[in-house]
Amino acid sequence: AILAAANGVPLKVVAAYARSPKAY
């Protein structure tokens, strides 16, 4: 999401989906 917005993609974050550091 950050990379896309930084490169001009018309993207808005409308919510969190998940937080999961132990899952990767």
PDBML (XML) file of the C-alpha atoms, coordinates in Angstrom:
<?xml version="1.0" encoding="UTF-8" ?>
<PDBx:datablock datablockName="MODEL"
   xmlns:PDBx="http://pdbml.pdb.org/schema/pdbx-v50.xsd"
   xmlns:xsi="http://www.w3.org/2001/XMLSchema-instance"
   xsi:schemaLocation="http://pdbml.pdb.org/schema/pdbx-v50.xsd pdbx-v50.xsd">
   <PDBx:atom_siteCategory>
      <PDBx:atom_site id="1">
         <PDBx:B_iso_or_equiv>0.00</PDBx:B_iso_or_equiv>
         <PDBx:Cartn_x>0.000</PDBx:Cartn_x>
         <PDBx:Cartn_y>0.000</PDBx:Cartn_y>
         <PDBx:Cartn_z>0.000</PDBx:Cartn_z>
         <PDBx:auth_asym_id>A</PDBx:auth_asym_id>
         <PDBx:auth_atom_id>CA</PDBx:auth_atom_id>
         <PDBx:auth_comp_id>ALA</PDBx:auth_comp_id>
         <PDBx:auth_seq_id>1</PDBx:auth_seq_id>
         <PDBx:group_PDB>ATOM</PDBx:group_PDB>
         <PDBx:label_alt_id xsi:nil="true" />
         <PDBx:label_asym_id>A</PDBx:label_asym_id>
         <PDBx:label_atom_id>CA</PDBx:label_atom_id>
         <PDBx:label_comp_id>ALA</PDBx:label_comp_id>
         <PDBx:label_entity_id>1</PDBx:label_entity_id>
         <PDBx:label_seq_id>1</PDBx:label_seq_id>
         <PDBx:occupancy>1.00</PDBx:occupancy>
         <PDBx:pdbx_PDB_model_num>1</PDBx:pdbx_PDB_model_num>
         <PDBx:type_symbol>C</PDBx:type_symbol>
      </PDBx:atom_site>
      <PDBx:atom_site id="2">
         <PDBx:B_iso_or_equiv>0.00</PDBx:B_iso_or_equiv>
         <PDBx:Cartn_x>2.800</PDBx:Cartn_x>
         <PDBx:Cartn_y>2.420</PDBx:Cartn_y>
         <PDBx:Cartn_z>0.910</PDBx:Cartn_z>
         <PDBx:auth_asym_id>A</PDBx:auth_asym_id>
         <PDBx:auth_atom_id>CA</PDBx:auth_atom_id>
         <PDBx:auth_comp_id>ILE</PDBx:auth_comp_id>
         <PDBx:auth_seq_id>2</PDBx:auth_seq_id>
         <PDBx:group_PDB>ATOM</PDBx:group_PDB>
         <PDBx:label_alt_id xsi:nil="true" />
         <PDBx:label_asym_id>A</PDBx:label_asym_id>
         <PDBx:label_atom_id>CA</PDBx:label_atom_id>
         <PDBx:label_comp_id>ILE</PDBx:label_comp_id>
         <PDBx:label_entity_id>1</PDBx:label_entity_id>
         <PDBx:label_seq_id>2</PDBx:label_seq_id>
         <PDBx:occupancy>1.00</PDBx:occupancy>
         <PDBx:pdbx_PDB_model_num>1</PDBx:pdbx_PDB_model_num>
         <PDBx:type_symbol>C</PDBx:type_symbol>
      </PDBx:atom_site>
      <PDBx:atom_site id="3">
         <PDBx:B_iso_or_equiv>0.00</PDBx:B_iso_or_equiv>
         <PDBx:Cartn_x>4.784</PDBx:Cartn_x>
         <PDBx:Cartn_y>1.704</PDBx:Cartn_y>
         <PDBx:Cartn_z>-2.264</PDBx:Cartn_z>
         <PDBx:auth_asym_id>A</PDBx:auth_asym_id>
         <PDBx:auth_atom_id>CA</PDBx:auth_atom_id>
         <PDBx:auth_comp_id>LEU</PDBx:auth_comp_id>
         <PDBx:auth_seq_id>3</PDBx:auth_seq_id>
         <PDBx:group_PDB>ATOM</PDBx:group_PDB>
         <PDBx:label_alt_id xsi:nil="true" />
         <PDBx:label_asym_id>A</PDBx:label_asym_id>
         <PDBx:label_atom_id>CA</PDBx:label_atom_id>
         <PDBx:label_comp_id>LEU</PDBx:label_comp_id>
         <PDBx:label_entity_id>1</PDBx:label_entity_id>
         <PDBx:label_seq_id>3</PDBx:label_seq_id>
         <PDBx:occupancy>1.00</PDBx:occupancy>
         <PDBx:pdbx_PDB_model_num>1</PDBx:pdbx_PDB_model_num>
         <PDBx:type_symbol>C</PDBx:type_symbol>
      </PDBx:atom_site>
      <PDBx:atom_site id="4">
         <PDBx:B_iso_or_equiv>0.00</PDBx:B_iso_or_equiv>
         <PDBx:Cartn_x>1.688</PDBx:Cartn_x>
         <PDBx:Cartn_y>2.146</PDBx:Cartn_y>
         <PDBx:Cartn_z>-4.402</PDBx:Cartn_z>
         <PDBx:auth_asym_id>A</PDBx:auth_asym_id>
         <PDBx:auth_atom_id>CA</PDBx:auth_atom_id>
         <PDBx:auth_comp_id>ALA</PDBx:auth_comp_id>
         <PDBx:auth_seq_id>4</PDBx:auth_seq_id>
         <PDBx:group_PDB>ATOM</PDBx:group_PDB>
         <PDBx:label_alt_id xsi:nil="true" />
         <PDBx:label_asym_id>A</PDBx:label_asym_id>
         <PDBx:label_atom_id>CA</PDBx:label_atom_id>
         <PDBx:label_comp_id>ALA</PDBx:label_comp_id>
         <PDBx:label_entity_id>1</PDBx:label_entity_id>
         <PDBx:label_seq_id>4</PDBx:label_seq_id>
         <PDBx:occupancy>1.00</PDBx:occupancy>
         <PDBx:pdbx_PDB_model_num>1</PDBx:pdbx_PDB_model_num>
         <PDBx:type_symbol>C</PDBx:type_symbol>
      </PDBx:atom_site>
      <PDBx:atom_site id="5">
         <PDBx:B_iso_or_equiv>0.00</PDBx:B_iso_or_equiv>
         <PDBx:Cartn_x>0.661</PDBx:Cartn_x>
         <PDBx:Cartn_y>5.454</PDBx:Cartn_y>
         <PDBx:Cartn_z>-2.834</PDBx:Cartn_z>
         <PDBx:auth_asym_id>A</PDBx:auth_asym_id>
         <PDBx:auth_atom_id>CA</PDBx:auth_atom_id>
         <PDBx:auth_comp_id>ALA</PDBx:auth_comp_id>
         <PDBx:auth_seq_id>5</PDBx:auth_seq_id>
         <PDBx:group_PDB>ATOM</PDBx:group_PDB>
         <PDBx:label_alt_id xsi:nil="true" />
         <PDBx:label_asym_id>A</PDBx:label_asym_id>
         <PDBx:label_atom_id>CA</PDBx:label_atom_id>
         <PDBx:label_comp_id>ALA</PDBx:label_comp_id>
         <PDBx:label_entity_id>1</PDBx:label_entity_id>
         <PDBx:label_seq_id>5</PDBx:label_seq_id>
         <PDBx:occupancy>1.00</PDBx:occupancy>
         <PDBx:pdbx_PDB_model_num>1</PDBx:pdbx_PDB_model_num>
         <PDBx:type_symbol>C</PDBx:type_symbol>
      </PDBx:atom_site>
      <PDBx:atom_site id="6">
         <PDBx:B_iso_or_equiv>0.00</PDBx:B_iso_or_equiv>
         <PDBx:Cartn_x>4.240</PDBx:Cartn_x>
         <PDBx:Cartn_y>6.737</PDBx:Cartn_y>
         <PDBx:Cartn_z>-2.967</PDBx:Cartn_z>
         <PDBx:auth_asym_id>A</PDBx:auth_asym_id>
         <PDBx:auth_atom_id>CA</PDBx:auth_atom_id>
         <PDBx:auth_comp_id>ALA</PDBx:auth_comp_id>
         <PDBx:auth_seq_id>6</PDBx:auth_seq_id>
         <PDBx:group_PDB>ATOM</PDBx:group_PDB>
         <PDBx:label_alt_id xsi:nil="true" />
         <PDBx:label_asym_id>A</PDBx:label_asym_id>
         <PDBx:label_atom_id>CA</PDBx:label_atom_id>
         <PDBx:label_comp_id>ALA</PDBx:label_comp_id>
         <PDBx:label_entity_id>1</PDBx:label_entity_id>
         <PDBx:label_seq_id>6</PDBx:label_seq_id>
         <PDBx:occupancy>1.00</PDBx:occupancy>
         <PDBx:pdbx_PDB_model_num>1</PDBx:pdbx_PDB_model_num>
         <PDBx:type_symbol>C</PDBx:type_symbol>
      </PDBx:atom_site>
      <PDBx:atom_site id="7">
         <PDBx:B_iso_or_equiv>0.00</PDBx:B_iso_or_equiv>
         <PDBx:Cartn_x>4.245</PDBx:Cartn_x>
         <PDBx:Cartn_y>6.023</PDBx:Cartn_y>
         <PDBx:Cartn_z>-6.702</PDBx:Cartn_z>
         <PDBx:auth_asym_id>A</PDBx:auth_asym_id>
         <PDBx:auth_atom_id>CA</PDBx:auth_atom_id>
         <PDBx:auth_comp_id>ASN</PDBx:auth_comp_id>
         <PDBx:auth_seq_id>7</PDBx:auth_seq_id>
         <PDBx:group_PDB>ATOM</PDBx:group_PDB>
         <PDBx:label_alt_id xsi:nil="true" />
         <PDBx:label_asym_id>A</PDBx:label_asym_id>
         <PDBx:label_atom_id>CA</PDBx:label_atom_id>
         <PDBx:label_comp_id>ASN</PDBx:label_comp_id>
         <PDBx:label_entity_id>1</PDBx:label_entity_id>
         <PDBx:label_seq_id>7</PDBx:label_seq_id>
         <PDBx:occupancy>1.00</PDBx:occupancy>
         <PDBx:pdbx_PDB_model_num>1</PDBx:pdbx_PDB_model_num>
         <PDBx:type_symbol>C</PDBx:type_symbol>
      </PDBx:atom_site>
      <PDBx:atom_site id="8">
         <PDBx:B_iso_or_equiv>0.00</PDBx:B_iso_or_equiv>
         <PDBx:Cartn_x>0.991</PDBx:Cartn_x>
         <PDBx:Cartn_y>7.839</PDBx:Cartn_y>
         <PDBx:Cartn_z>-7.382</PDBx:Cartn_z>
         <PDBx:auth_asym_id>A</PDBx:auth_asym_id>
         <PDBx:auth_atom_id>CA</PDBx:auth_atom_id>
         <PDBx:auth_comp_id>GLY</PDBx:auth_comp_id>
         <PDBx:auth_seq_id>8</PDBx:auth_seq_id>
         <PDBx:group_PDB>ATOM</PDBx:group_PDB>
         <PDBx:label_alt_id xsi:nil="true" />
         <PDBx:label_asym_id>A</PDBx:label_asym_id>
         <PDBx:label_atom_id>CA</PDBx:label_atom_id>
         <PDBx:label_comp_id>GLY</PDBx:label_comp_id>
         <PDBx:label_entity_id>1</PDBx:label_entity_id>
         <PDBx:label_seq_id>8</PDBx:label_seq_id>
         <PDBx:occupancy>1.00</PDBx:occupancy>
         <PDBx:pdbx_PDB_model_num>1</PDBx:pdbx_PDB_model_num>
         <PDBx:type_symbol>C</PDBx:type_symbol>
      </PDBx:atom_site>
      <PDBx:atom_site id="9">
         <PDBx:B_iso_or_equiv>0.00</PDBx:B_iso_or_equiv>
         <PDBx:Cartn_x>-1.538</PDBx:Cartn_x>
         <PDBx:Cartn_y>4.990</PDBx:Cartn_y>
         <PDBx:Cartn_z>-7.326</PDBx:Cartn_z>
         <PDBx:auth_asym_id>A</PDBx:auth_asym_id>
         <PDBx:auth_atom_id>CA</PDBx:auth_atom_id>
         <PDBx:auth_comp_id>VAL</PDBx:auth_comp_id>
         <PDBx:auth_seq_id>9</PDBx:auth_seq_id>
         <PDBx:group_PDB>ATOM</PDBx:group_PDB>
         <PDBx:label_alt_id xsi:nil="true" />
         <PDBx:label_asym_id>A</PDBx:label_asym_id>
         <PDBx:label_atom_id>CA</PDBx:label_atom_id>
         <PDBx:label_comp_id>VAL</PDBx:label_comp_id>
         <PDBx:label_entity_id>1</PDBx:label_entity_id>
         <PDBx:label_seq_id>9</PDBx:label_seq_id>
         <PDBx:occupancy>1.00</PDBx:occupancy>
         <PDBx:pdbx_PDB_model_num>1</PDBx:pdbx_PDB_model_num>
         <PDBx:type_symbol>C</PDBx:type_symbol>
      </PDBx:atom_site>
      <PDBx:atom_site id="10">
         <PDBx:B_iso_or_equiv>0.00</PDBx:B_iso_or_equiv>
         <PDBx:Cartn_x>-4.967</PDBx:Cartn_x>
         <PDBx:Cartn_y>6.386</PDBx:Cartn_y>
         <PDBx:Cartn_z>-6.277</PDBx:Cartn_z>
         <PDBx:auth_asym_id>A</PDBx:auth_asym_id>
         <PDBx:auth_atom_id>CA</PDBx:auth_atom_id>
         <PDBx:auth_comp_id>PRO</PDBx:auth_comp_id>
         <PDBx:auth_seq_id>10</PDBx:auth_seq_id>
         <PDBx:group_PDB>ATOM</PDBx:group_PDB>
         <PDBx:label_alt_id xsi:nil="true" />
         <PDBx:label_asym_id>A</PDBx:label_asym_id>
         <PDBx:label_atom_id>CA</PDBx:label_atom_id>
         <PDBx:label_comp_id>PRO</PDBx:label_comp_id>
         <PDBx:label_entity_id>1</PDBx:label_entity_id>
         <PDBx:label_seq_id>10</PDBx:label_seq_id>
         <PDBx:occupancy>1.00</PDBx:occupancy>
         <PDBx:pdbx_PDB_model_num>1</PDBx:pdbx_PDB_model_num>
         <PDBx:type_symbol>C</PDBx:type_symbol>
      </PDBx:atom_site>
      <PDBx:atom_site id="11">
         <PDBx:B_iso_or_equiv>0.00</PDBx:B_iso_or_equiv>
         <PDBx:Cartn_x>-5.239</PDBx:Cartn_x>
         <PDBx:Cartn_y>4.124</PDBx:Cartn_y>
         <PDBx:Cartn_z>-3.239</PDBx:Cartn_z>
         <PDBx:auth_asym_id>A</PDBx:auth_asym_id>
         <PDBx:auth_atom_id>CA</PDBx:auth_atom_id>
         <PDBx:auth_comp_id>LEU</PDBx:auth_comp_id>
         <PDBx:auth_seq_id>11</PDBx:auth_seq_id>
         <PDBx:group_PDB>ATOM</PDBx:group_PDB>
         <PDBx:label_alt_id xsi:nil="true" />
         <PDBx:label_asym_id>A</PDBx:label_asym_id>
         <PDBx:label_atom_id>CA</PDBx:label_atom_id>
         <PDBx:label_comp_id>LEU</PDBx:label_comp_id>
         <PDBx:label_entity_id>1</PDBx:label_entity_id>
         <PDBx:label_seq_id>11</PDBx:label_seq_id>
         <PDBx:occupancy>1.00</PDBx:occupancy>
         <PDBx:pdbx_PDB_model_num>1</PDBx:pdbx_PDB_model_num>
         <PDBx:type_symbol>C</PDBx:type_symbol>
      </PDBx:atom_site>
      <PDBx:atom_site id="12">
         <PDBx:B_iso_or_equiv>0.00</PDBx:B_iso_or_equiv>
         <PDBx:Cartn_x>-6.764</PDBx:Cartn_x>
         <PDBx:Cartn_y>4.742</PDBx:Cartn_y>
         <PDBx:Cartn_z>0.177</PDBx:Cartn_z>
         <PDBx:auth_asym_id>A</PDBx:auth_asym_id>
         <PDBx:auth_atom_id>CA</PDBx:auth_atom_id>
         <PDBx:auth_comp_id>LYS</PDBx:auth_comp_id>
         <PDBx:auth_seq_id>12</PDBx:auth_seq_id>
         <PDBx:group_PDB>ATOM</PDBx:group_PDB>
         <PDBx:label_alt_id xsi:nil="true" />
         <PDBx:label_asym_id>A</PDBx:label_asym_id>
         <PDBx:label_atom_id>CA</PDBx:label_atom_id>
         <PDBx:label_comp_id>LYS</PDBx:label_comp_id>
         <PDBx:label_entity_id>1</PDBx:label_entity_id>
         <PDBx:label_seq_id>12</PDBx:label_seq_id>
         <PDBx:occupancy>1.00</PDBx:occupancy>
         <PDBx:pdbx_PDB_model_num>1</PDBx:pdbx_PDB_model_num>
         <PDBx:type_symbol>C</PDBx:type_symbol>
      </PDBx:atom_site>
      <PDBx:atom_site id="13">
         <PDBx:B_iso_or_equiv>0.00</PDBx:B_iso_or_equiv>
         <PDBx:Cartn_x>-6.426</PDBx:Cartn_x>
         <PDBx:Cartn_y>2.427</PDBx:Cartn_y>
         <PDBx:Cartn_z>3.172</PDBx:Cartn_z>
         <PDBx:auth_asym_id>A</PDBx:auth_asym_id>
         <PDBx:auth_atom_id>CA</PDBx:auth_atom_id>
         <PDBx:auth_comp_id>VAL</PDBx:auth_comp_id>
         <PDBx:auth_seq_id>13</PDBx:auth_seq_id>
         <PDBx:group_PDB>ATOM</PDBx:group_PDB>
         <PDBx:label_alt_id xsi:nil="true" />
         <PDBx:label_asym_id>A</PDBx:label_asym_id>
         <PDBx:label_atom_id>CA</PDBx:label_atom_id>
         <PDBx:label_comp_id>VAL</PDBx:label_comp_id>
         <PDBx:label_entity_id>1</PDBx:label_entity_id>
         <PDBx:label_seq_id>13</PDBx:label_seq_id>
         <PDBx:occupancy>1.00</PDBx:occupancy>
         <PDBx:pdbx_PDB_model_num>1</PDBx:pdbx_PDB_model_num>
         <PDBx:type_symbol>C</PDBx:type_symbol>
      </PDBx:atom_site>
      <PDBx:atom_site id="14">
         <PDBx:B_iso_or_equiv>0.00</PDBx:B_iso_or_equiv>
         <PDBx:Cartn_x>-9.940</PDBx:Cartn_x>
         <PDBx:Cartn_y>2.072</PDBx:Cartn_y>
         <PDBx:Cartn_z>4.581</PDBx:Cartn_z>
         <PDBx:auth_asym_id>A</PDBx:auth_asym_id>
         <PDBx:auth_atom_id>CA</PDBx:auth_atom_id>
         <PDBx:auth_comp_id>VAL</PDBx:auth_comp_id>
         <PDBx:auth_seq_id>14</PDBx:auth_seq_id>
         <PDBx:group_PDB>ATOM</PDBx:group_PDB>
         <PDBx:label_alt_id xsi:nil="true" />
         <PDBx:label_asym_id>A</PDBx:label_asym_id>
         <PDBx:label_atom_id>CA</PDBx:label_atom_id>
         <PDBx:label_comp_id>VAL</PDBx:label_comp_id>
         <PDBx:label_entity_id>1</PDBx:label_entity_id>
         <PDBx:label_seq_id>14</PDBx:label_seq_id>
         <PDBx:occupancy>1.00</PDBx:occupancy>
         <PDBx:pdbx_PDB_model_num>1</PDBx:pdbx_PDB_model_num>
         <PDBx:type_symbol>C</PDBx:type_symbol>
      </PDBx:atom_site>
      <PDBx:atom_site id="15">
         <PDBx:B_iso_or_equiv>0.00</PDBx:B_iso_or_equiv>
         <PDBx:Cartn_x>-9.214</PDBx:Cartn_x>
         <PDBx:Cartn_y>-0.408</PDBx:Cartn_y>
         <PDBx:Cartn_z>7.400</PDBx:Cartn_z>
         <PDBx:auth_asym_id>A</PDBx:auth_asym_id>
         <PDBx:auth_atom_id>CA</PDBx:auth_atom_id>
         <PDBx:auth_comp_id>ALA</PDBx:auth_comp_id>
         <PDBx:auth_seq_id>15</PDBx:auth_seq_id>
         <PDBx:group_PDB>ATOM</PDBx:group_PDB>
         <PDBx:label_alt_id xsi:nil="true" />
         <PDBx:label_asym_id>A</PDBx:label_asym_id>
         <PDBx:label_atom_id>CA</PDBx:label_atom_id>
         <PDBx:label_comp_id>ALA</PDBx:label_comp_id>
         <PDBx:label_entity_id>1</PDBx:label_entity_id>
         <PDBx:label_seq_id>15</PDBx:label_seq_id>
         <PDBx:occupancy>1.00</PDBx:occupancy>
         <PDBx:pdbx_PDB_model_num>1</PDBx:pdbx_PDB_model_num>
         <PDBx:type_symbol>C</PDBx:type_symbol>
      </PDBx:atom_site>
      <PDBx:atom_site id="16">
         <PDBx:B_iso_or_equiv>0.00</PDBx:B_iso_or_equiv>
         <PDBx:Cartn_x>-6.723</PDBx:Cartn_x>
         <PDBx:Cartn_y>-2.757</PDBx:Cartn_y>
         <PDBx:Cartn_z>8.933</PDBx:Cartn_z>
         <PDBx:auth_asym_id>A</PDBx:auth_asym_id>
         <PDBx:auth_atom_id>CA</PDBx:auth_atom_id>
         <PDBx:auth_comp_id>ALA</PDBx:auth_comp_id>
         <PDBx:auth_seq_id>16</PDBx:auth_seq_id>
         <PDBx:group_PDB>ATOM</PDBx:group_PDB>
         <PDBx:label_alt_id xsi:nil="true" />
         <PDBx:label_asym_id>A</PDBx:label_asym_id>
         <PDBx:label_atom_id>CA</PDBx:label_atom_id>
         <PDBx:label_comp_id>ALA</PDBx:label_comp_id>
         <PDBx:label_entity_id>1</PDBx:label_entity_id>
         <PDBx:label_seq_id>16</PDBx:label_seq_id>
         <PDBx:occupancy>1.00</PDBx:occupancy>
         <PDBx:pdbx_PDB_model_num>1</PDBx:pdbx_PDB_model_num>
         <PDBx:type_symbol>C</PDBx:type_symbol>
      </PDBx:atom_site>
      <PDBx:atom_site id="17">
         <PDBx:B_iso_or_equiv>0.00</PDBx:B_iso_or_equiv>
         <PDBx:Cartn_x>-7.139</PDBx:Cartn_x>
         <PDBx:Cartn_y>-6.394</PDBx:Cartn_y>
         <PDBx:Cartn_z>7.932</PDBx:Cartn_z>
         <PDBx:auth_asym_id>A</PDBx:auth_asym_id>
         <PDBx:auth_atom_id>CA</PDBx:auth_atom_id>
         <PDBx:auth_comp_id>TYR</PDBx:auth_comp_id>
         <PDBx:auth_seq_id>17</PDBx:auth_seq_id>
         <PDBx:group_PDB>ATOM</PDBx:group_PDB>
         <PDBx:label_alt_id xsi:nil="true" />
         <PDBx:label_asym_id>A</PDBx:label_asym_id>
         <PDBx:label_atom_id>CA</PDBx:label_atom_id>
         <PDBx:label_comp_id>TYR</PDBx:label_comp_id>
         <PDBx:label_entity_id>1</PDBx:label_entity_id>
         <PDBx:label_seq_id>17</PDBx:label_seq_id>
         <PDBx:occupancy>1.00</PDBx:occupancy>
         <PDBx:pdbx_PDB_model_num>1</PDBx:pdbx_PDB_model_num>
         <PDBx:type_symbol>C</PDBx:type_symbol>
      </PDBx:atom_site>
      <PDBx:atom_site id="18">
         <PDBx:B_iso_or_equiv>0.00</PDBx:B_iso_or_equiv>
         <PDBx:Cartn_x>-4.793</PDBx:Cartn_x>
         <PDBx:Cartn_y>-8.251</PDBx:Cartn_y>
         <PDBx:Cartn_z>10.269</PDBx:Cartn_z>
         <PDBx:auth_asym_id>A</PDBx:auth_asym_id>
         <PDBx:auth_atom_id>CA</PDBx:auth_atom_id>
         <PDBx:auth_comp_id>ALA</PDBx:auth_comp_id>
         <PDBx:auth_seq_id>18</PDBx:auth_seq_id>
         <PDBx:group_PDB>ATOM</PDBx:group_PDB>
         <PDBx:label_alt_id xsi:nil="true" />
         <PDBx:label_asym_id>A</PDBx:label_asym_id>
         <PDBx:label_atom_id>CA</PDBx:label_atom_id>
         <PDBx:label_comp_id>ALA</PDBx:label_comp_id>
         <PDBx:label_entity_id>1</PDBx:label_entity_id>
         <PDBx:label_seq_id>18</PDBx:label_seq_id>
         <PDBx:occupancy>1.00</PDBx:occupancy>
         <PDBx:pdbx_PDB_model_num>1</PDBx:pdbx_PDB_model_num>
         <PDBx:type_symbol>C</PDBx:type_symbol>
      </PDBx:atom_site>
      <PDBx:atom_site id="19">
         <PDBx:B_iso_or_equiv>0.00</PDBx:B_iso_or_equiv>
         <PDBx:Cartn_x>-1.698</PDBx:Cartn_x>
         <PDBx:Cartn_y>-7.978</PDBx:Cartn_y>
         <PDBx:Cartn_z>12.434</PDBx:Cartn_z>
         <PDBx:auth_asym_id>A</PDBx:auth_asym_id>
         <PDBx:auth_atom_id>CA</PDBx:auth_atom_id>
         <PDBx:auth_comp_id>ARG</PDBx:auth_comp_id>
         <PDBx:auth_seq_id>19</PDBx:auth_seq_id>
         <PDBx:group_PDB>ATOM</PDBx:group_PDB>
         <PDBx:label_alt_id xsi:nil="true" />
         <PDBx:label_asym_id>A</PDBx:label_asym_id>
         <PDBx:label_atom_id>CA</PDBx:label_atom_id>
         <PDBx:label_comp_id>ARG</PDBx:label_comp_id>
         <PDBx:label_entity_id>1</PDBx:label_entity_id>
         <PDBx:label_seq_id>19</PDBx:label_seq_id>
         <PDBx:occupancy>1.00</PDBx:occupancy>
         <PDBx:pdbx_PDB_model_num>1</PDBx:pdbx_PDB_model_num>
         <PDBx:type_symbol>C</PDBx:type_symbol>
      </PDBx:atom_site>
      <PDBx:atom_site id="20">
         <PDBx:B_iso_or_equiv>0.00</PDBx:B_iso_or_equiv>
         <PDBx:Cartn_x>0.379</PDBx:Cartn_x>
         <PDBx:Cartn_y>-11.154</PDBx:Cartn_y>
         <PDBx:Cartn_z>12.502</PDBx:Cartn_z>
         <PDBx:auth_asym_id>A</PDBx:auth_asym_id>
         <PDBx:auth_atom_id>CA</PDBx:auth_atom_id>
         <PDBx:auth_comp_id>SER</PDBx:auth_comp_id>
         <PDBx:auth_seq_id>20</PDBx:auth_seq_id>
         <PDBx:group_PDB>ATOM</PDBx:group_PDB>
         <PDBx:label_alt_id xsi:nil="true" />
         <PDBx:label_asym_id>A</PDBx:label_asym_id>
         <PDBx:label_atom_id>CA</PDBx:label_atom_id>
         <PDBx:label_comp_id>SER</PDBx:label_comp_id>
         <PDBx:label_entity_id>1</PDBx:label_entity_id>
         <PDBx:label_seq_id>20</PDBx:label_seq_id>
         <PDBx:occupancy>1.00</PDBx:occupancy>
         <PDBx:pdbx_PDB_model_num>1</PDBx:pdbx_PDB_model_num>
         <PDBx:type_symbol>C</PDBx:type_symbol>
      </PDBx:atom_site>
      <PDBx:atom_site id="21">
         <PDBx:B_iso_or_equiv>0.00</PDBx:B_iso_or_equiv>
         <PDBx:Cartn_x>4.192</PDBx:Cartn_x>
         <PDBx:Cartn_y>-11.029</PDBx:Cartn_y>
         <PDBx:Cartn_z>12.882</PDBx:Cartn_z>
         <PDBx:auth_asym_id>A</PDBx:auth_asym_id>
         <PDBx:auth_atom_id>CA</PDBx:auth_atom_id>
         <PDBx:auth_comp_id>PRO</PDBx:auth_comp_id>
         <PDBx:auth_seq_id>21</PDBx:auth_seq_id>
         <PDBx:group_PDB>ATOM</PDBx:group_PDB>
         <PDBx:label_alt_id xsi:nil="true" />
         <PDBx:label_asym_id>A</PDBx:label_asym_id>
         <PDBx:label_atom_id>CA</PDBx:label_atom_id>
         <PDBx:label_comp_id>PRO</PDBx:label_comp_id>
         <PDBx:label_entity_id>1</PDBx:label_entity_id>
         <PDBx:label_seq_id>21</PDBx:label_seq_id>
         <PDBx:occupancy>1.00</PDBx:occupancy>
         <PDBx:pdbx_PDB_model_num>1</PDBx:pdbx_PDB_model_num>
         <PDBx:type_symbol>C</PDBx:type_symbol>
      </PDBx:atom_site>
      <PDBx:atom_site id="22">
         <PDBx:B_iso_or_equiv>0.00</PDBx:B_iso_or_equiv>
         <PDBx:Cartn_x>4.277</PDBx:Cartn_x>
         <PDBx:Cartn_y>-14.641</PDBx:Cartn_y>
         <PDBx:Cartn_z>14.093</PDBx:Cartn_z>
         <PDBx:auth_asym_id>A</PDBx:auth_asym_id>
         <PDBx:auth_atom_id>CA</PDBx:auth_atom_id>
         <PDBx:auth_comp_id>LYS</PDBx:auth_comp_id>
         <PDBx:auth_seq_id>22</PDBx:auth_seq_id>
         <PDBx:group_PDB>ATOM</PDBx:group_PDB>
         <PDBx:label_alt_id xsi:nil="true" />
         <PDBx:label_asym_id>A</PDBx:label_asym_id>
         <PDBx:label_atom_id>CA</PDBx:label_atom_id>
         <PDBx:label_comp_id>LYS</PDBx:label_comp_id>
         <PDBx:label_entity_id>1</PDBx:label_entity_id>
         <PDBx:label_seq_id>22</PDBx:label_seq_id>
         <PDBx:occupancy>1.00</PDBx:occupancy>
         <PDBx:pdbx_PDB_model_num>1</PDBx:pdbx_PDB_model_num>
         <PDBx:type_symbol>C</PDBx:type_symbol>
      </PDBx:atom_site>
      <PDBx:atom_site id="23">
         <PDBx:B_iso_or_equiv>0.00</PDBx:B_iso_or_equiv>
         <PDBx:Cartn_x>2.544</PDBx:Cartn_x>
         <PDBx:Cartn_y>-15.900</PDBx:Cartn_y>
         <PDBx:Cartn_z>10.944</PDBx:Cartn_z>
         <PDBx:auth_asym_id>A</PDBx:auth_asym_id>
         <PDBx:auth_atom_id>CA</PDBx:auth_atom_id>
         <PDBx:auth_comp_id>ALA</PDBx:auth_comp_id>
         <PDBx:auth_seq_id>23</PDBx:auth_seq_id>
         <PDBx:group_PDB>ATOM</PDBx:group_PDB>
         <PDBx:label_alt_id xsi:nil="true" />
         <PDBx:label_asym_id>A</PDBx:label_asym_id>
         <PDBx:label_atom_id>CA</PDBx:label_atom_id>
         <PDBx:label_comp_id>ALA</PDBx:label_comp_id>
         <PDBx:label_entity_id>1</PDBx:label_entity_id>
         <PDBx:label_seq_id>23</PDBx:label_seq_id>
         <PDBx:occupancy>1.00</PDBx:occupancy>
         <PDBx:pdbx_PDB_model_num>1</PDBx:pdbx_PDB_model_num>
         <PDBx:type_symbol>C</PDBx:type_symbol>
      </PDBx:atom_site>
      <PDBx:atom_site id="24">
         <PDBx:B_iso_or_equiv>0.00</PDBx:B_iso_or_equiv>
         <PDBx:Cartn_x>5.329</PDBx:Cartn_x>
         <PDBx:Cartn_y>-15.128</PDBx:Cartn_y>
         <PDBx:Cartn_z>8.434</PDBx:Cartn_z>
         <PDBx:auth_asym_id>A</PDBx:auth_asym_id>
         <PDBx:auth_atom_id>CA</PDBx:auth_atom_id>
         <PDBx:auth_comp_id>TYR</PDBx:auth_comp_id>
         <PDBx:auth_seq_id>24</PDBx:auth_seq_id>
         <PDBx:group_PDB>ATOM</PDBx:group_PDB>
         <PDBx:label_alt_id xsi:nil="true" />
         <PDBx:label_asym_id>A</PDBx:label_asym_id>
         <PDBx:label_atom_id>CA</PDBx:label_atom_id>
         <PDBx:label_comp_id>TYR</PDBx:label_comp_id>
         <PDBx:label_entity_id>1</PDBx:label_entity_id>
         <PDBx:label_seq_id>24</PDBx:label_seq_id>
         <PDBx:occupancy>1.00</PDBx:occupancy>
         <PDBx:pdbx_PDB_model_num>1</PDBx:pdbx_PDB_model_num>
         <PDBx:type_symbol>C</PDBx:type_symbol>
      </PDBx:atom_site>
   </PDBx:atom_siteCategory>
</PDBx:datablock>
